[in-house]
Amino acid sequence: MNTMNQKYYVTMTDKFMSGWGMAQNKINKLVIECDTQMEALTVFDNAKTRSEMKYVHISYTKPRYNKNNYIVSEHNKTDYPNWFKTNYFNLRSRGLA
């Protein structure tokens, strides 16, 4: 299944950002593209430590969402580098990052 160009996508619902602002009456989905399975697992673990992130999943295909129901933010290692650091949010909450 895995090829040299295989991407992984970690998807999650941001409960804090859903339902207001640009996501008025919508669900705010965050999609983070990863180059390797190990990156995807790190991003997944970091997402699971954040209380506002729900329904965290790893996908092997780029997810699509109905624009009438969802607002989607797509990111990667370039613009969200801290998500790719092991235990980043746990360390940060203890003042260690």
PDB file of N, CA and C in Angstrom:
ATOM      1  N   MET A   1       0.825  -1.207   0.000  1.00  0.00           N
ATOM      2  CA  MET A   1       0.000   0.000   0.000  1.00  0.00           C
ATOM      3  C   MET A   1       0.858   1.255   0.000  1.00  0.00           C
ATOM      4  N   ASN A   2       1.890   1.314   0.820  1.00  0.00           N
ATOM      5  CA  ASN A   2       2.695   2.524   0.933  1.00  0.00           C
ATOM      6  C   ASN A   2       3.634   2.661  -0.253  1.00  0.00           C
ATOM      7  N   THR A   3       3.658   3.841  -0.839  1.00  0.00           N
ATOM      8  CA  THR A   3       4.580   4.138  -1.928  1.00  0.00           C
ATOM      9  C   THR A   3       5.482   5.264  -1.481  1.00  0.00           C
ATOM     10  N   MET A   4       6.444   5.580  -2.309  1.00  0.00           N
ATOM     11  CA  MET A   4       7.392   6.641  -1.971  1.00  0.00           C
ATOM     12  C   MET A   4       6.694   7.990  -1.762  1.00  0.00           C
ATOM     13  N   ASN A   5       5.603   8.220  -2.455  1.00  0.00           N
ATOM     14  CA  ASN A   5       4.907   9.511  -2.366  1.00  0.00           C
ATOM     15  C   ASN A   5       3.681   9.471  -1.462  1.00  0.00           C
ATOM     16  N   GLN A   6       3.515   8.411  -0.710  1.00  0.00           N
ATOM     17  CA  GLN A   6       2.354   8.281   0.174  1.00  0.00           C
ATOM     18  C   GLN A   6       2.318   9.409   1.194  1.00  0.00           C
ATOM     19  N   LYS A   7       1.208  10.077   1.280  1.00  0.00           N
ATOM     20  CA  LYS A   7       0.983  11.104   2.302  1.00  0.00           C
ATOM     21  C   LYS A   7       0.008  10.541   3.329  1.00  0.00           C
ATOM     22  N   TYR A   8       0.081  11.092   4.495  1.00  0.00           N
ATOM     23  CA  TYR A   8      -0.829  10.735   5.581  1.00  0.00           C
ATOM     24  C   TYR A   8      -1.501  12.026   6.026  1.00  0.00           C
ATOM     25  N   TYR A   9      -2.750  11.926   6.440  1.00  0.00           N
ATOM     26  CA  TYR A   9      -3.509  13.099   6.854  1.00  0.00           C
ATOM     27  C   TYR A   9      -4.103  12.841   8.233  1.00  0.00           C
ATOM     28  N   VAL A  10      -3.755  13.703   9.158  1.00  0.00           N
ATOM     29  CA  VAL A  10      -4.338  13.622  10.488  1.00  0.00           C
ATOM     30  C   VAL A  10      -5.472  14.634  10.512  1.00  0.00           C
ATOM     31  N   THR A  11      -6.672  14.145  10.789  1.00  0.00           N
ATOM     32  CA  THR A  11      -7.852  14.999  10.789  1.00  0.00           C
ATOM     33  C   THR A  11      -8.428  15.068  12.194  1.00  0.00           C
ATOM     34  N   MET A  12      -9.015  16.193  12.502  1.00  0.00           N
ATOM     35  CA  MET A  12      -9.622  16.376  13.821  1.00  0.00           C
ATOM     36  C   MET A  12     -10.657  17.489  13.756  1.00  0.00           C
ATOM     37  N   THR A  13     -11.587  17.448  14.686  1.00  0.00           N
ATOM     38  CA  THR A  13     -12.562  18.520  14.845  1.00  0.00           C
ATOM     39  C   THR A  13     -12.091  19.424  15.965  1.00  0.00           C
ATOM     40  N   ASP A  14     -11.999  20.709  15.676  1.00  0.00           N
ATOM     41  CA  ASP A  14     -11.627  21.696  16.692  1.00  0.00           C
ATOM     42  C   ASP A  14     -12.919  22.203  17.323  1.00  0.00           C
ATOM     43  N   LYS A  15     -13.241  21.665  18.494  1.00  0.00           N
ATOM     44  CA  LYS A  15     -14.492  22.022  19.159  1.00  0.00           C
ATOM     45  C   LYS A  15     -14.526  23.494  19.577  1.00  0.00           C
ATOM     46  N   PHE A  16     -13.369  24.047  19.925  1.00  0.00           N
ATOM     47  CA  PHE A  16     -13.329  25.440  20.363  1.00  0.00           C
ATOM     48  C   PHE A  16     -13.660  26.389  19.208  1.00  0.00           C
ATOM     49  N   MET A  17     -13.132  26.119  18.029  1.00  0.00           N
ATOM     50  CA  MET A  17     -13.312  27.018  16.885  1.00  0.00           C
ATOM     51  C   MET A  17     -14.590  26.743  16.091  1.00  0.00           C
ATOM     52  N   SER A  18     -15.277  25.662  16.389  1.00  0.00           N
ATOM     53  CA  SER A  18     -16.503  25.321  15.656  1.00  0.00           C
ATOM     54  C   SER A  18     -17.679  26.164  16.138  1.00  0.00           C
ATOM     55  N   GLY A  19     -18.535  26.554  15.179  1.00  0.00           N
ATOM     56  CA  GLY A  19     -19.800  27.185  15.524  1.00  0.00           C
ATOM     57  C   GLY A  19     -19.795  28.691  15.653  1.00  0.00           C
ATOM     58  N   TRP A  20     -18.663  29.345  15.440  1.00  0.00           N
ATOM     59  CA  TRP A  20     -18.648  30.804  15.546  1.00  0.00           C
ATOM     60  C   TRP A  20     -17.581  31.374  14.604  1.00  0.00           C
ATOM     61  N   GLY A  21     -17.570  32.700  14.448  1.00  0.00           N
ATOM     62  CA  GLY A  21     -16.613  33.338  13.538  1.00  0.00           C
ATOM     63  C   GLY A  21     -16.787  32.815  12.124  1.00  0.00           C
ATOM     64  N   MET A  22     -15.670  32.491  11.464  1.00  0.00           N
ATOM     65  CA  MET A  22     -15.739  31.965  10.102  1.00  0.00           C
ATOM     66  C   MET A  22     -16.418  30.605  10.050  1.00  0.00           C
ATOM     67  N   ALA A  23     -16.516  29.940  11.175  1.00  0.00           N
ATOM     68  CA  ALA A  23     -17.169  28.628  11.240  1.00  0.00           C
ATOM     69  C   ALA A  23     -18.582  28.734  11.809  1.00  0.00           C
ATOM     70  N   GLN A  24     -19.201  29.895  11.682  1.00  0.00           N
ATOM     71  CA  GLN A  24     -20.568  30.075  12.174  1.00  0.00           C
ATOM     72  C   GLN A  24     -21.469  28.991  11.599  1.00  0.00           C
ATOM     73  N   ASN A  25     -22.133  28.249  12.469  1.00  0.00           N
ATOM     74  CA  ASN A  25     -23.035  27.160  12.088  1.00  0.00           C
ATOM     75  C   ASN A  25     -22.338  26.028  11.329  1.00  0.00           C
ATOM     76  N   LYS A  26     -21.024  25.910  11.498  1.00  0.00           N
ATOM     77  CA  LYS A  26     -20.266  24.859  10.819  1.00  0.00           C
ATOM     78  C   LYS A  26     -19.349  24.160  11.815  1.00  0.00           C
ATOM     79  N   ILE A  27     -18.822  23.047  11.373  1.00  0.00           N
ATOM     80  CA  ILE A  27     -17.827  22.303  12.140  1.00  0.00           C
ATOM     81  C   ILE A  27     -16.451  22.662  11.596  1.00  0.00           C
ATOM     82  N   ASN A  28     -15.541  23.009  12.491  1.00  0.00           N
ATOM     83  CA  ASN A  28     -14.186  23.381  12.098  1.00  0.00           C
ATOM     84  C   ASN A  28     -13.298  22.140  12.098  1.00  0.00           C
ATOM     85  N   LYS A  29     -12.835  21.743  10.920  1.00  0.00           N
ATOM     86  CA  LYS A  29     -11.963  20.589  10.782  1.00  0.00           C
ATOM     87  C   LYS A  29     -10.538  21.066  10.515  1.00  0.00           C
ATOM     88  N   LEU A  30      -9.605  20.428  11.180  1.00  0.00           N
ATOM     89  CA  LEU A  30      -8.185  20.688  10.988  1.00  0.00           C
ATOM     90  C   LEU A  30      -7.596  19.453  10.320  1.00  0.00           C
ATOM     91  N   VAL A  31      -6.888  19.653   9.207  1.00  0.00           N
ATOM     92  CA  VAL A  31      -6.255  18.562   8.472  1.00  0.00           C
ATOM     93  C   VAL A  31      -4.769  18.884   8.388  1.00  0.00           C
ATOM     94  N   ILE A  32      -3.936  17.986   8.908  1.00  0.00           N
ATOM     95  CA  ILE A  32      -2.493  18.189   8.874  1.00  0.00           C
ATOM     96  C   ILE A  32      -1.873  17.096   8.014  1.00  0.00           C
ATOM     97  N   GLU A  33      -1.221  17.519   6.935  1.00  0.00           N
ATOM     98  CA  GLU A  33      -0.580  16.596   6.008  1.00  0.00           C
ATOM     99  C   GLU A  33       0.788  16.183   6.541  1.00  0.00           C
ATOM    100  N   CYS A  34       1.066  14.892   6.496  1.00  0.00           N
ATOM    101  CA  CYS A  34       2.329  14.338   6.987  1.00  0.00           C
ATOM    102  C   CYS A  34       2.998  13.539   5.877  1.00  0.00           C
ATOM    103  N   ASP A  35       4.324  13.542   5.889  1.00  0.00           N
ATOM    104  CA  ASP A  35       5.086  12.816   4.869  1.00  0.00           C
ATOM    105  C   ASP A  35       5.325  11.356   5.217  1.00  0.00           C
ATOM    106  N   THR A  36       5.305  11.036   6.501  1.00  0.00           N
ATOM    107  CA  THR A  36       5.585   9.659   6.912  1.00  0.00           C
ATOM    108  C   THR A  36       4.556   9.204   7.943  1.00  0.00           C
ATOM    109  N   GLN A  37       4.500   7.896   8.118  1.00  0.00           N
ATOM    110  CA  GLN A  37       3.608   7.342   9.124  1.00  0.00           C
ATOM    111  C   GLN A  37       4.037   7.798  10.517  1.00  0.00           C
ATOM    112  N   MET A  38       5.337   7.883  10.752  1.00  0.00           N
ATOM    113  CA  MET A  38       5.834   8.316  12.064  1.00  0.00           C
ATOM    114  C   MET A  38       5.414   9.761  12.353  1.00  0.00           C
ATOM    115  N   GLU A  39       5.492  10.630  11.363  1.00  0.00           N
ATOM    116  CA  GLU A  39       5.008  12.006  11.544  1.00  0.00           C
ATOM    117  C   GLU A  39       3.522  12.002  11.878  1.00  0.00           C
ATOM    118  N   ALA A  40       2.761  11.201  11.160  1.00  0.00           N
ATOM    119  CA  ALA A  40       1.314  11.142  11.395  1.00  0.00           C
ATOM    120  C   ALA A  40       1.016  10.673  12.820  1.00  0.00           C
ATOM    121  N   LEU A  41       1.769   9.703  13.299  1.00  0.00           N
ATOM    122  CA  LEU A  41       1.557   9.222  14.668  1.00  0.00           C
ATOM    123  C   LEU A  41       1.911  10.288  15.698  1.00  0.00           C
ATOM    124  N   THR A  42       2.952  11.058  15.438  1.00  0.00           N
ATOM    125  CA  THR A  42       3.333  12.146  16.352  1.00  0.00           C
ATOM    126  C   THR A  42       2.255  13.218  16.382  1.00  0.00           C
ATOM    127  N   VAL A  43       1.780  13.628  15.214  1.00  0.00           N
ATOM    128  CA  VAL A  43       0.712  14.635  15.140  1.00  0.00           C
ATOM    129  C   VAL A  43      -0.554  14.102  15.819  1.00  0.00           C
ATOM    130  N   PHE A  44      -0.890  12.845  15.567  1.00  0.00           N
ATOM    131  CA  PHE A  44      -2.047  12.209  16.187  1.00  0.00           C
ATOM    132  C   PHE A  44      -1.936  12.261  17.711  1.00  0.00           C
ATOM    133  N   ASP A  45      -0.783  11.849  18.244  1.00  0.00           N
ATOM    134  CA  ASP A  45      -0.583  11.859  19.698  1.00  0.00           C
ATOM    135  C   ASP A  45      -0.687  13.268  20.266  1.00  0.00           C
ATOM    136  N   ASN A  46      -0.122  14.247  19.577  1.00  0.00           N
ATOM    137  CA  ASN A  46      -0.224  15.632  20.039  1.00  0.00           C
ATOM    138  C   ASN A  46      -1.670  16.110  20.035  1.00  0.00           C
ATOM    139  N   ALA A  47      -2.417  15.757  18.996  1.00  0.00           N
ATOM    140  CA  ALA A  47      -3.824  16.167  18.922  1.00  0.00           C
ATOM    141  C   ALA A  47      -4.632  15.566  20.066  1.00  0.00           C
ATOM    142  N   LYS A  48      -4.340  14.308  20.402  1.00  0.00           N
ATOM    143  CA  LYS A  48      -5.086  13.641  21.468  1.00  0.00           C
ATOM    144  C   LYS A  48      -4.838  14.274  22.840  1.00  0.00           C
ATOM    145  N   THR A  49      -3.747  15.027  23.004  1.00  0.00           N
ATOM    146  CA  THR A  49      -3.486  15.672  24.290  1.00  0.00           C
ATOM    147  C   THR A  49      -4.234  16.994  24.431  1.00  0.00           C
ATOM    148  N   ARG A  50      -4.787  17.493  23.354  1.00  0.00           N
ATOM    149  CA  ARG A  50      -5.480  18.784  23.381  1.00  0.00           C
ATOM    150  C   ARG A  50      -6.975  18.566  23.587  1.00  0.00           C
ATOM    151  N   SER A  51      -7.502  19.145  24.634  1.00  0.00           N
ATOM    152  CA  SER A  51      -8.904  18.904  25.000  1.00  0.00           C
ATOM    153  C   SER A  51      -9.898  19.429  23.966  1.00  0.00           C
ATOM    154  N   GLU A  52      -9.511  20.432  23.181  1.00  0.00           N
ATOM    155  CA  GLU A  52     -10.445  20.987  22.200  1.00  0.00           C
ATOM    156  C   GLU A  52     -10.490  20.172  20.909  1.00  0.00           C
ATOM    157  N   MET A  53      -9.592  19.211  20.751  1.00  0.00           N
ATOM    158  CA  MET A  53      -9.560  18.395  19.536  1.00  0.00           C
ATOM    159  C   MET A  53     -10.301  17.079  19.767  1.00  0.00           C
ATOM    160  N   LYS A  54     -11.283  16.837  18.939  1.00  0.00           N
ATOM    161  CA  LYS A  54     -12.111  15.629  19.026  1.00  0.00           C
ATOM    162  C   LYS A  54     -12.071  14.897  17.689  1.00  0.00           C
ATOM    163  N   TYR A  55     -12.451  13.642  17.717  1.00  0.00           N
ATOM    164  CA  TYR A  55     -12.552  12.831  16.497  1.00  0.00           C
ATOM    165  C   TYR A  55     -11.250  12.859  15.690  1.00  0.00           C
ATOM    166  N   VAL A  56     -10.161  12.517  16.343  1.00  0.00           N
ATOM    167  CA  VAL A  56      -8.833  12.531  15.717  1.00  0.00           C
ATOM    168  C   VAL A  56      -8.639  11.213  14.964  1.00  0.00           C
ATOM    169  N   HIS A  57      -8.239  11.327  13.691  1.00  0.00           N
ATOM    170  CA  HIS A  57      -8.055  10.144  12.846  1.00  0.00           C
ATOM    171  C   HIS A  57      -6.854  10.336  11.931  1.00  0.00           C
ATOM    172  N   ILE A  58      -6.300   9.226  11.476  1.00  0.00           N
ATOM    173  CA  ILE A  58      -5.268   9.244  10.440  1.00  0.00           C
ATOM    174  C   ILE A  58      -5.889   8.652   9.188  1.00  0.00           C
ATOM    175  N   SER A  59      -5.730   9.367   8.076  1.00  0.00           N
ATOM    176  CA  SER A  59      -6.276   8.921   6.794  1.00  0.00           C
ATOM    177  C   SER A  59      -5.135   8.774   5.788  1.00  0.00           C
ATOM    178  N   TYR A  60      -5.290   7.831   4.872  1.00  0.00           N
ATOM    179  CA  TYR A  60      -4.296   7.620   3.825  1.00  0.00           C
ATOM    180  C   TYR A  60      -4.665   8.335   2.544  1.00  0.00           C
ATOM    181  N   THR A  61      -5.842   8.934   2.524  1.00  0.00           N
ATOM    182  CA  THR A  61      -6.269   9.740   1.382  1.00  0.00           C
ATOM    183  C   THR A  61      -6.664  11.117   1.899  1.00  0.00           C
ATOM    184  N   LYS A  62      -6.506  12.110   1.070  1.00  0.00           N
ATOM    185  CA  LYS A  62      -6.850  13.471   1.480  1.00  0.00           C
ATOM    186  C   LYS A  62      -8.365  13.560   1.674  1.00  0.00           C
ATOM    187  N   PRO A  63      -8.776  13.937   2.877  1.00  0.00           N
ATOM    188  CA  PRO A  63     -10.217  13.989   3.150  1.00  0.00           C
ATOM    189  C   PRO A  63     -10.894  15.161   2.438  1.00  0.00           C
ATOM    190  N   ARG A  64     -12.160  14.970   2.161  1.00  0.00           N
ATOM    191  CA  ARG A  64     -12.990  16.021   1.566  1.00  0.00           C
ATOM    192  C   ARG A  64     -14.204  16.211   2.464  1.00  0.00           C
ATOM    193  N   TYR A  65     -14.591  17.454   2.625  1.00  0.00           N
ATOM    194  CA  TYR A  65     -15.728  17.765   3.487  1.00  0.00           C
ATOM    195  C   TYR A  65     -16.680  18.685   2.737  1.00  0.00           C
ATOM    196  N   ASN A  66     -17.949  18.547   3.011  1.00  0.00           N
ATOM    197  CA  ASN A  66     -18.973  19.390   2.407  1.00  0.00           C
ATOM    198  C   ASN A  66     -18.815  20.819   2.931  1.00  0.00           C
ATOM    199  N   LYS A  67     -18.578  21.767   2.030  1.00  0.00           N
ATOM    200  CA  LYS A  67     -18.328  23.149   2.442  1.00  0.00           C
ATOM    201  C   LYS A  67     -19.545  23.818   3.084  1.00  0.00           C
ATOM    202  N   ASN A  68     -20.712  23.224   2.921  1.00  0.00           N
ATOM    203  CA  ASN A  68     -21.898  23.776   3.577  1.00  0.00           C
ATOM    204  C   ASN A  68     -21.939  23.452   5.063  1.00  0.00           C
ATOM    205  N   ASN A  69     -21.225  22.397   5.464  1.00  0.00           N
ATOM    206  CA  ASN A  69     -21.268  21.947   6.855  1.00  0.00           C
ATOM    207  C   ASN A  69     -19.949  22.116   7.599  1.00  0.00           C
ATOM    208  N   TYR A  70     -18.868  22.287   6.856  1.00  0.00           N
ATOM    209  CA  TYR A  70     -17.538  22.313   7.469  1.00  0.00           C
ATOM    210  C   TYR A  70     -16.710  23.486   6.958  1.00  0.00           C
ATOM    211  N   ILE A  71     -15.853  23.991   7.828  1.00  0.00           N
ATOM    212  CA  ILE A  71     -14.779  24.874   7.409  1.00  0.00           C
ATOM    213  C   ILE A  71     -13.501  24.091   7.694  1.00  0.00           C
ATOM    214  N   VAL A  72     -12.618  24.027   6.714  1.00  0.00           N
ATOM    215  CA  VAL A  72     -11.446  23.165   6.804  1.00  0.00           C
ATOM    216  C   VAL A  72     -10.177  24.014   6.754  1.00  0.00           C
ATOM    217  N   SER A  73      -9.286  23.765   7.700  1.00  0.00           N
ATOM    218  CA  SER A  73      -7.961  24.379   7.711  1.00  0.00           C
ATOM    219  C   SER A  73      -6.952  23.297   7.397  1.00  0.00           C
ATOM    220  N   GLU A  74      -6.196  23.474   6.314  1.00  0.00           N
ATOM    221  CA  GLU A  74      -5.193  22.489   5.915  1.00  0.00           C
ATOM    222  C   GLU A  74      -3.808  23.031   6.246  1.00  0.00           C
ATOM    223  N   HIS A  75      -3.006  22.185   6.885  1.00  0.00           N
ATOM    224  CA  HIS A  75      -1.671  22.590   7.314  1.00  0.00           C
ATOM    225  C   HIS A  75      -0.670  21.472   7.072  1.00  0.00           C
ATOM    226  N   ASN A  76       0.619  21.801   7.258  1.00  0.00           N
ATOM    227  CA  ASN A  76       1.682  20.811   7.116  1.00  0.00           C
ATOM    228  C   ASN A  76       2.834  21.180   8.044  1.00  0.00           C
ATOM    229  N   LYS A  77       3.949  20.514   7.872  1.00  0.00           N
ATOM    230  CA  LYS A  77       5.102  20.703   8.755  1.00  0.00           C
ATOM    231  C   LYS A  77       5.683  22.113   8.655  1.00  0.00           C
ATOM    232  N   THR A  78       5.523  22.760   7.512  1.00  0.00           N
ATOM    233  CA  THR A  78       6.074  24.103   7.314  1.00  0.00           C
ATOM    234  C   THR A  78       5.356  25.142   8.163  1.00  0.00           C
ATOM    235  N   ASP A  79       4.031  25.099   8.184  1.00  0.00           N
ATOM    236  CA  ASP A  79       3.295  26.128   8.920  1.00  0.00           C
ATOM    237  C   ASP A  79       2.840  25.703  10.319  1.00  0.00           C
ATOM    238  N   TYR A  80       2.914  24.423  10.633  1.00  0.00           N
ATOM    239  CA  TYR A  80       2.577  23.930  11.974  1.00  0.00           C
ATOM    240  C   TYR A  80       3.700  23.047  12.516  1.00  0.00           C
ATOM    241  N   PRO A  81       4.930  23.546  12.585  1.00  0.00           N
ATOM    242  CA  PRO A  81       6.066  22.679  12.953  1.00  0.00           C
ATOM    243  C   PRO A  81       5.974  22.080  14.346  1.00  0.00           C
ATOM    244  N   ASN A  82       5.366  22.762  15.291  1.00  0.00           N
ATOM    245  CA  ASN A  82       5.309  22.239  16.661  1.00  0.00           C
ATOM    246  C   ASN A  82       4.460  20.980  16.777  1.00  0.00           C
ATOM    247  N   TRP A  83       3.496  20.807  15.894  1.00  0.00           N
ATOM    248  CA  TRP A  83       2.668  19.608  15.912  1.00  0.00           C
ATOM    249  C   TRP A  83       3.494  18.358  15.614  1.00  0.00           C
ATOM    250  N   PHE A  84       4.660  18.526  14.991  1.00  0.00           N
ATOM    251  CA  PHE A  84       5.504  17.403  14.588  1.00  0.00           C
ATOM    252  C   PHE A  84       6.573  17.085  15.632  1.00  0.00           C
ATOM    253  N   LYS A  85       6.551  17.781  16.762  1.00  0.00           N
ATOM    254  CA  LYS A  85       7.505  17.544  17.846  1.00  0.00           C
ATOM    255  C   LYS A  85       6.854  16.621  18.875  1.00  0.00           C
ATOM    256  N   THR A  86       7.511  15.529  19.178  1.00  0.00           N
ATOM    257  CA  THR A  86       6.979  14.540  20.112  1.00  0.00           C
ATOM    258  C   THR A  86       6.634  15.177  21.453  1.00  0.00           C
ATOM    259  N   ASN A  87       5.421  14.941  21.903  1.00  0.00           N
ATOM    260  CA  ASN A  87       4.918  15.432  23.203  1.00  0.00           C
ATOM    261  C   ASN A  87       4.984  16.944  23.349  1.00  0.00           C
ATOM    262  N   TYR A  88       4.944  17.675  22.262  1.00  0.00           N
ATOM    263  CA  TYR A  88       5.122  19.128  22.328  1.00  0.00           C
ATOM    264  C   TYR A  88       4.120  19.797  23.272  1.00  0.00           C
ATOM    265  N   PHE A  89       2.864  19.473  23.174  1.00  0.00           N
ATOM    266  CA  PHE A  89       1.860  20.185  23.975  1.00  0.00           C
ATOM    267  C   PHE A  89       1.905  19.766  25.436  1.00  0.00           C
ATOM    268  N   ASN A  90       2.296  18.520  25.715  1.00  0.00           N
ATOM    269  CA  ASN A  90       2.499  18.103  27.096  1.00  0.00           C
ATOM    270  C   ASN A  90       3.670  18.852  27.712  1.00  0.00           C
ATOM    271  N   LEU A  91       4.767  18.961  26.989  1.00  0.00           N
ATOM    272  CA  LEU A  91       5.949  19.663  27.501  1.00  0.00           C
ATOM    273  C   LEU A  91       5.663  21.148  27.685  1.00  0.00           C
ATOM    274  N   ARG A  92       4.945  21.717  26.732  1.00  0.00           N
ATOM    275  CA  ARG A  92       4.618  23.147  26.790  1.00  0.00           C
ATOM    276  C   ARG A  92       3.768  23.473  28.012  1.00  0.00           C
ATOM    277  N   SER A  93       2.804  22.595  28.318  1.00  0.00           N
ATOM    278  CA  SER A  93       1.936  22.855  29.476  1.00  0.00           C
ATOM    279  C   SER A  93       2.708  22.804  30.799  1.00  0.00           C
ATOM    280  N   ARG A  94       3.851  22.132  30.769  1.00  0.00           N
ATOM    281  CA  ARG A  94       4.681  22.067  31.974  1.00  0.00           C
ATOM    282  C   ARG A  94       5.841  23.065  31.913  1.00  0.00           C
ATOM    283  N   GLY A  95       5.823  23.955  30.909  1.00  0.00           N
ATOM    284  CA  GLY A  95       6.861  24.978  30.788  1.00  0.00           C
ATOM    285  C   GLY A  95       8.197  24.439  30.310  1.00  0.00           C
ATOM    286  N   LEU A  96       8.190  23.299  29.635  1.00  0.00           N
ATOM    287  CA  LEU A  96       9.446  22.676  29.217  1.00  0.00           C
ATOM    288  C   LEU A  96       9.728  22.833  27.726  1.00  0.00           C
ATOM    289  N   ALA A  97       8.822  23.460  26.991  1.00  0.00           N
ATOM    290  CA  ALA A  97       9.040  23.619  25.546  1.00  0.00           C
ATOM    291  C   ALA A  97       9.148  25.090  25.192  1.00  0.00           C
TER     292      ALA A  97
END
